């Protein structure tokens, strides 16, 4: 599921990206430092930000 979500971020519309961007920071900060969950949340946040910027440019 993790890979499916990461792959689909690029296909999300602006509203879906905004909703995901709203919840990811709390997911990241609730995960223990150095945990796989925190690393995953951080990587997903980067993908969401990149996708949002691509939508703004596109």
Protein backbone atom coordinates (compact mmCIF):
# COMPACT_ATOMS: atom_id res chain seq x y z
CA UNK A 1 0.00 0.00 0.00
CA UNK A 2 2.82 2.41 0.77
CA UNK A 3 4.22 2.17 -2.72
CA UNK A 4 0.74 2.51 -4.24
CA UNK A 5 0.11 5.73 -2.32
CA UNK A 6 3.50 7.18 -3.24
CA UNK A 7 2.97 6.35 -6.90
CA UNK A 8 -0.51 7.88 -6.97
CA UNK A 9 0.52 11.22 -5.41
CA UNK A 10 1.49 12.54 -8.83
CA UNK A 11 -2.03 11.83 -10.13
CA UNK A 12 -3.91 13.52 -7.27
CA UNK A 13 -5.80 16.75 -7.82
CA UNK A 14 -5.11 19.94 -5.89
CA UNK A 15 -7.76 19.29 -3.21
CA UNK A 16 -6.53 15.76 -2.49
CA UNK A 17 -2.94 16.97 -2.25
CA UNK A 18 -3.99 19.74 0.14
CA UNK A 19 -5.82 17.25 2.37
CA UNK A 20 -2.82 14.95 2.44
CA UNK A 21 -0.49 17.86 3.14
CA UNK A 22 -2.66 18.78 6.12
CA UNK A 23 -2.42 15.38 7.80
CA UNK A 24 1.16 14.34 7.01
CA UNK A 25 2.96 16.65 9.47
CA UNK A 26 1.08 15.19 12.44
CA UNK A 27 1.80 11.67 11.18
CA UNK A 28 5.48 12.54 10.99
CA UNK A 29 5.73 14.15 14.42
CA UNK A 30 3.79 11.35 16.14
CA UNK A 31 6.24 8.74 14.84
CA UNK A 32 9.39 8.08 16.86
CA UNK A 33 12.59 9.69 15.57
CA UNK A 34 14.42 7.31 13.24
CA UNK A 35 11.45 4.98 12.79
CA UNK A 36 10.41 3.60 9.42
CA UNK A 37 7.02 5.30 9.77
CA UNK A 38 8.64 8.70 10.26
CA UNK A 39 10.98 8.15 7.30
CA UNK A 40 7.98 7.13 5.17
CA UNK A 41 5.94 10.17 6.24
CA UNK A 42 8.86 12.48 5.49
CA UNK A 43 9.38 10.98 2.04
CA UNK A 44 5.65 11.18 1.29
CA UNK A 45 5.59 14.83 2.40
CA UNK A 46 8.37 15.58 -0.09
CA UNK A 47 6.39 13.88 -2.87
CA UNK A 48 3.25 15.83 -1.98
CA UNK A 49 5.14 19.13 -1.98
CA UNK A 50 6.73 18.29 -5.35
CA UNK A 51 3.31 17.39 -6.78
CA UNK A 52 1.75 20.59 -5.43
CA UNK A 53 4.52 22.65 -7.02
CA UNK A 54 4.05 20.80 -10.32
CA UNK A 55 0.31 21.58 -10.23
CA UNK A 56 1.07 25.26 -9.63
CA UNK A 57 3.51 25.38 -12.56
CA UNK A 58 1.30 23.30 -14.85
